[in-house]
Amino acid sequence: MPQLKANGLTIEYESFGRAVDPAILLIMGFSAQMTMWPRELCDGLASKGFRVVRFDNRDVGKSEKLERLGQVSAVEVFGKIAAGEKITAPYVLNDMAADAVGLLGALDIPEAHIVGASMGGMIAQLVAVNHPRHARSLTSIMSSTGRPGLPPSKPEAMAVLMTPPPNTERETRIVYAMNAWRIIGSQAPYAADDKELRATAEREVDRVAYYPQGIARQLVGILASPPRHEMLANVKCPALVIHGEADPLVDIAAGRDTAASIPGARLVTVPGMGHDFTMKLLPVYLREIGNFVSDVEARRKAA
């Protein structure tokens, strides 16, 4: 896949569809590679007349690893938070939003429909807030505003997110990933079976080596970023919020709060959906995202 310089970093990306079509920028979540956006979803959106771009965030996948910023300890940061102390981070979500906008600029895309999942949803929100002329629309999926007082993750979901694999052997990492996705993933009728989970885990594990330093820097970047609920009142572009009613990692209340914080946002909640992108969920994502961005384009042409 190609790479380019964006916001001073080397970013790995992939583009689907025609360069002349309206763009959709897909921003993936915490510690996840761009390949967690299913290729079938990218192809499906491209078939609706869009140029779809997915990319690896900084410190993950094949994008630049920011070793020069030093290592961080998530345990120490959580300790400071518990003690009420101020925390700092090598970078924050605002910086990652600038990466996304830098990628658009490097690709000569003036504006795009910004779609983000989980941490990627937080980044997408900040693109719409901080870089409004680059956001034709905003779609926030399984994400949160970070408002204090929202329900926490289920303990088992947070535990699997915070616990590294016991070693970096290939099969260990594959089994670890499968178990993690079972815990945070969707219920019937959208749950992935073991065959799908293993295929996804093998693809992700075989793409890049395990890089815990980048995961830690991303996590601390999330924790050090301020809540966005008040900022989101300034979003002017059309907005869609998609959230699973069975999400154990980011409670459905966070999705409702995100929609309530953005003027005019449309909220879609999906019974049985967890915190994942299974093949059984693909028609839901393709329908909701595809219809939304198509409607935005139609309204622009009619105006």
Protein backbone atom coordinates (compact mmCIF):
# COMPACT_ATOMS: atom_id res chain seq x y z
CA MET A 1 0.00 0.00 0.00
CA PRO A 2 1.23 3.56 -0.64
CA GLN A 3 2.65 5.99 1.88
CA LEU A 4 2.91 9.76 1.95
CA LYS A 5 3.92 12.59 4.24
CA ALA A 6 1.09 14.18 6.22
CA ASN A 7 1.43 16.54 9.16
CA GLY A 8 5.16 15.78 9.14
CA LEU A 9 4.62 12.01 9.48
CA THR A 10 4.79 9.05 7.14
CA ILE A 11 1.27 7.68 6.81
CA GLU A 12 0.24 4.37 5.23
CA TYR A 13 -3.07 4.59 3.39
CA GLU A 14 -5.27 2.91 0.81
CA SER A 15 -7.77 4.43 -1.60
CA PHE A 16 -10.82 2.84 -3.21
CA GLY A 17 -12.95 4.21 -6.03
CA ARG A 18 -12.39 7.08 -8.44
CA ALA A 19 -10.32 10.10 -7.44
CA VAL A 20 -12.94 12.43 -8.95
CA ASP A 21 -15.74 11.21 -6.67
CA PRO A 22 -16.65 12.78 -3.29
CA ALA A 23 -14.31 11.45 -0.61
CA ILE A 24 -14.98 9.45 2.55
CA LEU A 25 -12.14 9.35 5.08
CA LEU A 26 -12.24 6.36 7.45
CA ILE A 27 -10.45 6.79 10.80
CA MET A 28 -9.91 3.63 12.85
CA GLY A 29 -9.85 3.27 16.62
CA PHE A 30 -7.38 2.69 19.43
CA SER A 31 -4.50 0.32 18.59
CA ALA A 32 -6.33 -0.88 15.46
CA GLN A 33 -4.95 -0.96 11.95
CA MET A 34 -6.80 0.50 8.97
CA THR A 35 -7.51 -3.05 7.81
CA MET A 36 -10.12 -3.32 10.57
CA TRP A 37 -12.30 -1.30 8.18
CA PRO A 38 -13.57 -4.25 6.12
CA ARG A 39 -12.48 -4.13 2.49
CA GLU A 40 -16.05 -5.10 1.59
CA LEU A 41 -17.29 -1.91 3.29
CA CYS A 42 -14.75 0.20 1.41
CA ASP A 43 -15.68 -1.42 -1.91
CA GLY A 44 -19.38 -1.07 -1.13
CA LEU A 45 -19.11 2.65 -0.40
CA ALA A 46 -16.97 3.13 -3.51
CA SER A 47 -19.67 1.43 -5.57
CA LYS A 48 -22.10 4.10 -4.38
CA GLY A 49 -19.98 6.77 -6.07
CA PHE A 50 -17.41 7.71 -3.43
CA ARG A 51 -13.66 7.73 -3.14
CA VAL A 52 -12.92 5.88 0.11
CA VAL A 53 -9.64 6.40 1.95
CA ARG A 54 -8.52 4.39 4.98
CA PHE A 55 -5.20 4.81 6.77
CA ASP A 56 -3.09 3.68 9.69
CA ASN A 57 -3.04 6.17 12.54
CA ARG A 58 0.33 7.28 13.89
CA ASP A 59 2.04 4.66 16.04
CA VAL A 60 0.06 1.73 14.61
CA GLY A 61 0.14 -0.50 11.55
CA LYS A 62 2.60 0.64 8.90
CA SER A 63 2.44 4.35 9.64
CA GLU A 64 5.31 6.10 11.39
CA LYS A 65 6.20 4.97 14.91
CA LEU A 66 6.99 7.91 17.16
CA GLU A 67 9.81 6.36 19.16
CA ARG A 68 11.50 9.77 19.38
CA LEU A 69 8.72 10.87 21.74
CA GLY A 70 9.76 8.29 24.31
CA GLN A 71 7.95 5.56 26.16
CA VAL A 72 5.00 6.15 28.47
CA SER A 73 3.50 4.08 31.26
CA ALA A 74 -0.26 3.72 31.14
CA VAL A 75 -0.17 2.35 34.71
CA GLU A 76 1.50 5.51 35.96
CA VAL A 77 -0.95 7.70 34.08
CA PHE A 78 -3.96 5.87 35.53
CA GLY A 79 -2.39 6.32 38.97
CA LYS A 80 -2.10 10.07 38.43
CA ILE A 81 -5.70 10.23 37.25
CA ALA A 82 -6.86 8.36 40.36
CA ALA A 83 -4.87 10.81 42.52
CA GLY A 84 -6.43 13.80 40.77
CA GLU A 85 -3.12 14.87 39.24
CA LYS A 86 -2.74 16.49 35.85
CA ILE A 87 -1.37 14.23 33.14
CA THR A 88 0.62 14.96 30.00
CA ALA A 89 1.09 12.94 26.84
CA PRO A 90 3.50 12.83 23.89
CA TYR A 91 0.52 13.75 21.72
CA VAL A 92 -3.24 14.10 22.05
CA LEU A 93 -6.28 13.53 19.88
CA ASN A 94 -6.05 17.02 18.40
CA ASP A 95 -2.71 16.00 16.90
CA MET A 96 -4.24 12.88 15.38
CA ALA A 97 -7.05 14.99 13.90
CA ALA A 98 -4.33 17.13 12.31
CA ASP A 99 -2.84 13.93 10.84
CA ALA A 100 -6.17 13.13 9.19
CA VAL A 101 -6.49 16.62 7.73
CA GLY A 102 -2.86 16.48 6.61
CA LEU A 103 -3.59 13.25 4.77
CA LEU A 104 -6.50 14.89 2.95
CA GLY A 105 -4.23 17.74 1.94
CA ALA A 106 -1.50 15.41 0.71
CA LEU A 107 -4.10 13.60 -1.40
CA ASP A 108 -5.40 16.92 -2.77
CA ILE A 109 -8.84 16.33 -1.20
CA PRO A 110 -10.23 19.71 -0.03
CA GLU A 111 -13.01 18.17 2.09
CA ALA A 112 -14.41 14.75 2.88
CA HIS A 113 -17.11 12.89 4.73
CA ILE A 114 -15.26 12.09 7.96
CA VAL A 115 -16.11 8.69 9.45
CA GLY A 116 -14.51 7.46 12.65
CA ALA A 117 -14.90 4.40 14.88
CA SER A 118 -14.22 4.37 18.65
CA MET A 119 -11.06 6.48 19.15
CA GLY A 120 -11.40 7.24 15.46
CA GLY A 121 -14.82 8.69 16.22
CA MET A 122 -13.21 11.02 18.75
CA ILE A 123 -10.67 12.07 16.12
CA ALA A 124 -13.44 12.55 13.56
CA GLN A 125 -15.32 14.76 16.01
CA LEU A 126 -12.22 16.92 16.38
CA VAL A 127 -11.77 17.19 12.61
CA ALA A 128 -15.30 18.60 12.45
CA VAL A 129 -14.63 20.94 15.39
CA ASN A 130 -11.09 22.12 14.62
CA HIS A 131 -11.02 21.84 10.83
CA PRO A 132 -14.62 22.49 9.75
CA ARG A 133 -13.86 23.41 6.16
CA HIS A 134 -12.44 19.92 5.61
CA ALA A 135 -15.52 18.08 6.99
CA ARG A 136 -18.41 17.73 4.56
CA SER A 137 -20.12 15.53 7.13
CA LEU A 138 -19.31 13.66 10.34
CA THR A 139 -20.11 10.05 11.23
CA SER A 140 -19.17 8.96 14.76
CA ILE A 141 -19.39 5.20 15.36
CA MET A 142 -19.21 3.41 18.74
CA SER A 143 -17.55 6.48 20.21
CA SER A 144 -17.91 9.06 22.98
CA THR A 145 -17.57 12.74 23.79
CA GLY A 146 -15.57 11.92 26.91
CA ARG A 147 -18.11 13.74 29.07
CA PRO A 148 -17.42 13.05 32.78
CA GLY A 149 -20.02 10.82 34.39
CA LEU A 150 -20.83 8.64 31.39
CA PRO A 151 -21.10 4.92 32.26
CA PRO A 152 -17.71 3.15 32.24
CA SER A 153 -16.76 0.16 30.17
CA LYS A 154 -17.78 -3.24 31.44
CA PRO A 155 -14.94 -4.55 33.65
CA GLU A 156 -14.23 -7.52 31.40
CA ALA A 157 -14.07 -5.29 28.32
CA MET A 158 -11.67 -2.84 29.96
CA ALA A 159 -9.56 -5.72 31.28
CA VAL A 160 -9.08 -7.26 27.85
CA LEU A 161 -8.21 -3.86 26.41
CA MET A 162 -5.58 -3.17 29.09
CA THR A 163 -4.00 -6.64 29.29
CA PRO A 164 -1.28 -7.39 26.72
CA PRO A 165 -0.82 -10.85 25.22
CA PRO A 166 1.37 -13.10 27.41
CA ASN A 167 4.00 -13.29 24.65
CA THR A 168 4.49 -12.21 21.05
CA GLU A 169 4.37 -15.64 19.41
CA ARG A 170 2.07 -15.64 16.37
CA GLU A 171 -0.46 -18.16 17.68
CA THR A 172 -0.56 -16.48 21.09
CA ARG A 173 -1.37 -13.13 19.49
CA ILE A 174 -4.03 -14.71 17.28
CA VAL A 175 -5.77 -16.43 20.22
CA TYR A 176 -5.48 -13.23 22.27
CA ALA A 177 -7.13 -11.16 19.52
CA MET A 178 -9.93 -13.68 19.04
CA ASN A 179 -10.68 -13.67 22.76
CA ALA A 180 -10.65 -9.88 22.90
CA TRP A 181 -13.12 -9.59 20.05
CA ARG A 182 -15.40 -12.20 21.60
CA ILE A 183 -15.56 -10.08 24.76
CA ILE A 184 -16.12 -6.67 23.15
CA GLY A 185 -17.92 -7.91 20.06
CA SER A 186 -21.49 -8.17 18.93
CA GLN A 187 -24.18 -10.56 20.09
CA ALA A 188 -26.71 -12.41 17.93
CA PRO A 189 -27.60 -11.82 15.18
CA TYR A 190 -24.33 -10.02 14.40
CA ALA A 191 -21.72 -12.09 16.24
CA ALA A 192 -18.73 -13.39 14.29
CA ASP A 193 -18.05 -17.12 14.35
CA ASP A 194 -14.64 -18.61 15.16
CA LYS A 195 -13.71 -18.92 11.49
CA GLU A 196 -14.24 -15.22 10.91
CA LEU A 197 -12.49 -14.26 14.14
CA ARG A 198 -9.43 -16.34 13.28
CA ALA A 199 -9.24 -15.02 9.72
CA THR A 200 -9.40 -11.44 11.00
CA ALA A 201 -6.83 -12.11 13.72
CA GLU A 202 -4.42 -13.79 11.31
CA ARG A 203 -4.68 -10.87 8.90
CA GLU A 204 -3.98 -8.31 11.60
CA VAL A 205 -1.19 -10.25 13.32
CA ASP A 206 0.60 -11.09 10.08
CA ARG A 207 0.52 -7.50 8.80
CA VAL A 208 2.82 -5.96 11.42
CA ALA A 209 4.81 -6.89 14.51
CA TYR A 210 3.40 -6.22 17.96
CA TYR A 211 4.27 -2.68 19.04
CA PRO A 212 3.18 -1.99 22.63
CA GLN A 213 4.93 1.39 22.89
CA GLY A 214 2.67 2.85 20.21
CA ILE A 215 -0.42 1.39 21.88
CA ALA A 216 0.59 3.01 25.17
CA ARG A 217 1.18 6.41 23.57
CA GLN A 218 -2.22 6.28 21.86
CA LEU A 219 -3.93 5.35 25.12
CA VAL A 220 -2.30 8.16 27.06
CA GLY A 221 -3.18 10.53 24.22
CA ILE A 222 -6.85 9.65 24.69
CA LEU A 223 -6.66 10.05 28.46
CA ALA A 224 -4.91 13.42 28.22
CA SER A 225 -7.44 14.87 25.77
CA PRO A 226 -10.22 17.08 27.15
CA PRO A 227 -13.90 16.15 26.82
CA ARG A 228 -15.59 17.23 23.60
CA HIS A 229 -19.27 17.57 24.55
CA GLU A 230 -19.16 21.36 24.76
CA MET A 231 -16.97 21.73 21.64
CA LEU A 232 -19.39 19.66 19.59
CA ALA A 233 -22.05 22.35 19.91
CA ASN A 234 -20.01 24.21 17.27
CA VAL A 235 -20.25 21.48 14.62
CA LYS A 236 -21.98 22.87 11.55
CA CYS A 237 -21.83 19.93 9.14
CA PRO A 238 -24.47 17.16 8.97
CA ALA A 239 -23.75 14.44 11.52
CA LEU A 240 -24.65 10.79 12.05
CA VAL A 241 -24.01 8.76 15.20
CA ILE A 242 -24.09 4.94 15.06
CA HIS A 243 -23.85 2.91 18.25
CA GLY A 244 -24.47 -0.64 19.34
CA GLU A 245 -26.96 -1.24 22.11
CA ALA A 246 -24.83 -4.18 23.31
CA ASP A 247 -21.47 -2.38 23.27
CA PRO A 248 -19.58 -3.43 26.43
CA LEU A 249 -16.60 -1.14 25.80
CA VAL A 250 -18.31 2.18 25.03
CA ASP A 251 -21.76 2.19 26.62
CA ILE A 252 -24.77 3.13 24.50
CA ALA A 253 -25.20 6.18 26.74
CA ALA A 254 -22.04 7.59 25.17
CA GLY A 255 -23.54 7.32 21.70
CA ARG A 256 -26.72 9.03 22.84
CA ASP A 257 -24.66 11.77 24.47
CA THR A 258 -22.62 12.25 21.29
CA ALA A 259 -25.76 12.72 19.21
CA ALA A 260 -27.28 15.07 21.78
CA SER A 261 -24.10 17.17 21.81
CA ILE A 262 -24.07 17.79 18.03
CA PRO A 263 -26.76 20.13 16.67
CA GLY A 264 -29.12 18.23 14.39
CA ALA A 265 -27.26 14.92 14.61
CA ARG A 266 -29.09 11.74 13.65
CA LEU A 267 -28.73 8.79 16.04
CA VAL A 268 -28.94 5.16 14.92
CA THR A 269 -28.75 2.50 17.63
CA VAL A 270 -28.44 -1.17 16.69
CA PRO A 271 -29.72 -3.93 19.03
CA GLY A 272 -27.16 -6.71 19.46
CA MET A 273 -24.27 -4.67 18.01
CA GLY A 274 -21.13 -4.55 20.11
CA HIS A 275 -17.76 -2.92 19.45
CA ASP A 276 -16.74 -4.50 16.15
CA PHE A 277 -17.11 -4.77 12.37
CA THR A 278 -18.37 -8.28 11.65
CA MET A 279 -19.47 -9.49 8.25
CA LYS A 280 -23.04 -9.74 9.55
CA LEU A 281 -22.89 -6.07 10.51
CA LEU A 282 -21.57 -5.05 7.10
CA PRO A 283 -25.03 -4.43 5.56
CA VAL A 284 -25.91 -2.19 8.53
CA TYR A 285 -22.79 -0.07 8.16
CA LEU A 286 -23.08 0.09 4.40
CA ARG A 287 -26.74 1.10 4.57
CA GLU A 288 -26.42 3.69 7.31
CA ILE A 289 -23.16 5.32 6.20
CA GLY A 290 -23.93 4.99 2.51
CA ASN A 291 -27.42 6.45 2.75
CA PHE A 292 -26.27 9.27 5.00
CA VAL A 293 -23.39 10.49 2.84
CA SER A 294 -25.48 10.04 -0.31
CA ASP A 295 -28.24 12.19 1.20
CA VAL A 296 -25.68 14.87 2.14
CA GLU A 297 -24.40 14.89 -1.43
CA ALA A 298 -27.93 15.08 -2.84
CA ARG A 299 -28.78 18.05 -0.61
CA ARG A 300 -25.58 19.82 -1.66
CA LYS A 301 -26.44 19.39 -5.33
CA ALA A 302 -30.00 20.59 -4.78
CA ALA A 303 -28.92 23.70 -2.86
